[in-house]
Amino acid sequence: MFDGFRLDRIDVGAATWRVRSKPPTTSEHAPYSKRAMAADCLALMRELGHERFAVAGHDRGGYVTFRLAMDHPPAVSHLAVLAAIPIWRGSRPLQRGIRR
């Protein structure tokens, strides 16, 4: 893209399935948590040869990139979270049992 830079685009679901072969879920859906997806993304970036990298995420990917930066700060040089509804606001209807 630019001299000295490379762009790797990851589909969060595809990253999860590629690295861990779509594991069976648990009662708490732990293999599909944002933390598990972030760990998968980190594993994929390491497999691609990146030890430290800038990351951007949109919508659900924004939550995953935020978790990646929180859990693995030495790996993330820059973070951009785009169009991710704050979790406390987005989960309010679910907490009340309302489906939208």
Protein backbone atom coordinates (compact mmCIF):
# COMPACT_ATOMS: atom_id res chain seq x y z
CA MET A 1 0.00 0.00 0.00
CA PHE A 2 2.69 2.48 1.09
CA ASP A 3 6.42 1.96 1.23
CA GLY A 4 7.26 0.17 4.46
CA PHE A 5 3.62 -0.64 5.29
CA ARG A 6 1.45 -3.66 4.65
CA LEU A 7 -2.32 -4.04 5.00
CA ASP A 8 -3.76 -7.34 6.23
CA ARG A 9 -7.55 -7.38 6.48
CA ILE A 10 -9.09 -9.96 8.81
CA ASP A 11 -12.72 -11.06 8.92
CA VAL A 12 -13.15 -11.71 12.64
CA GLY A 13 -15.21 -14.87 12.18
CA ALA A 14 -12.89 -16.20 9.51
CA ALA A 15 -9.86 -15.50 11.71
CA THR A 16 -11.42 -17.52 14.51
CA TRP A 17 -12.19 -20.49 12.29
CA ARG A 18 -8.85 -20.39 10.45
CA VAL A 19 -6.68 -20.51 13.56
CA ARG A 20 -8.75 -22.85 15.72
CA SER A 21 -10.81 -24.86 13.20
CA LYS A 22 -14.18 -23.61 14.51
CA PRO A 23 -14.19 -25.06 18.02
CA PRO A 24 -17.36 -26.32 19.68
CA THR A 25 -18.96 -23.77 21.94
CA THR A 26 -19.42 -23.91 25.70
CA SER A 27 -22.42 -22.91 27.82
CA GLU A 28 -20.83 -19.46 28.18
CA HIS A 29 -19.71 -19.32 24.49
CA ALA A 30 -16.11 -18.74 25.63
CA PRO A 31 -14.49 -19.80 22.31
CA TYR A 32 -16.45 -17.00 20.61
CA SER A 33 -15.81 -14.28 23.17
CA LYS A 34 -14.12 -11.06 22.11
CA ARG A 35 -11.09 -12.14 24.18
CA ALA A 36 -10.84 -15.46 22.29
CA MET A 37 -11.27 -13.70 18.92
CA ALA A 38 -8.58 -11.17 19.88
CA ALA A 39 -6.20 -14.00 20.76
CA ASP A 40 -6.95 -15.61 17.39
CA CYS A 41 -6.22 -12.34 15.59
CA LEU A 42 -2.93 -12.01 17.47
CA ALA A 43 -1.99 -15.59 16.54
CA LEU A 44 -2.80 -14.88 12.89
CA MET A 45 -0.76 -11.66 12.86
CA ARG A 46 2.18 -13.52 14.40
CA GLU A 47 1.80 -16.25 11.79
CA LEU A 48 1.99 -13.52 9.12
CA GLY A 49 5.24 -12.28 10.69
CA HIS A 50 3.95 -9.22 12.59
CA GLU A 51 5.20 -8.79 16.17
CA ARG A 52 3.91 -5.20 16.57
CA PHE A 53 1.23 -3.63 14.42
CA ALA A 54 -1.43 -0.94 14.13
CA VAL A 55 -4.98 -2.25 14.22
CA ALA A 56 -8.41 -0.87 13.32
CA GLY A 57 -11.80 -2.44 13.89
CA HIS A 58 -15.36 -1.61 12.88
CA ASP A 59 -18.56 -2.62 14.68
CA ARG A 60 -17.97 -6.08 16.25
CA GLY A 61 -14.39 -5.93 15.04
CA GLY A 62 -14.02 -2.73 17.07
CA TYR A 63 -14.71 -4.67 20.24
CA VAL A 64 -12.23 -7.36 19.19
CA THR A 65 -9.48 -4.84 18.42
CA PHE A 66 -10.13 -3.06 21.71
CA ARG A 67 -9.80 -6.39 23.56
CA LEU A 68 -6.63 -7.15 21.58
CA ALA A 69 -5.10 -3.84 22.67
CA MET A 70 -6.16 -4.38 26.30
CA ASP A 71 -4.88 -7.96 26.52
CA HIS A 72 -1.72 -7.57 24.42
CA PRO A 73 -0.51 -3.94 24.61
CA PRO A 74 3.07 -4.71 23.47
CA ALA A 75 1.69 -6.02 20.16
CA VAL A 76 -0.49 -2.99 19.32
CA SER A 77 1.27 0.20 18.22
CA HIS A 78 -1.91 2.13 17.27
CA LEU A 79 -5.62 1.45 17.75
CA ALA A 80 -8.67 2.76 15.88
CA VAL A 81 -12.16 1.66 16.94
CA LEU A 82 -14.84 2.72 14.46
CA ALA A 83 -18.63 2.68 14.81
CA ALA A 84 -18.76 0.41 17.85
CA ILE A 85 -21.70 1.18 20.14
CA PRO A 86 -20.54 1.42 23.75
CA ILE A 87 -21.16 -2.01 25.25
CA TRP A 88 -23.08 -0.68 28.25
CA ARG A 89 -25.55 1.07 25.91
CA GLY A 90 -25.81 -1.71 23.34
CA SER A 91 -26.49 -4.40 25.93
CA ARG A 92 -29.25 -2.53 27.78
CA PRO A 93 -32.09 -3.96 25.62
CA LEU A 94 -30.67 -7.46 26.11
CA GLN A 95 -30.51 -6.97 29.84
CA ARG A 96 -34.22 -6.08 29.84
CA GLY A 97 -35.04 -9.13 27.72
CA ILE A 98 -36.13 -7.04 24.73
CA ARG A 99 -35.23 -8.23 21.25
CA ARG A 100 -34.76 -5.61 18.56
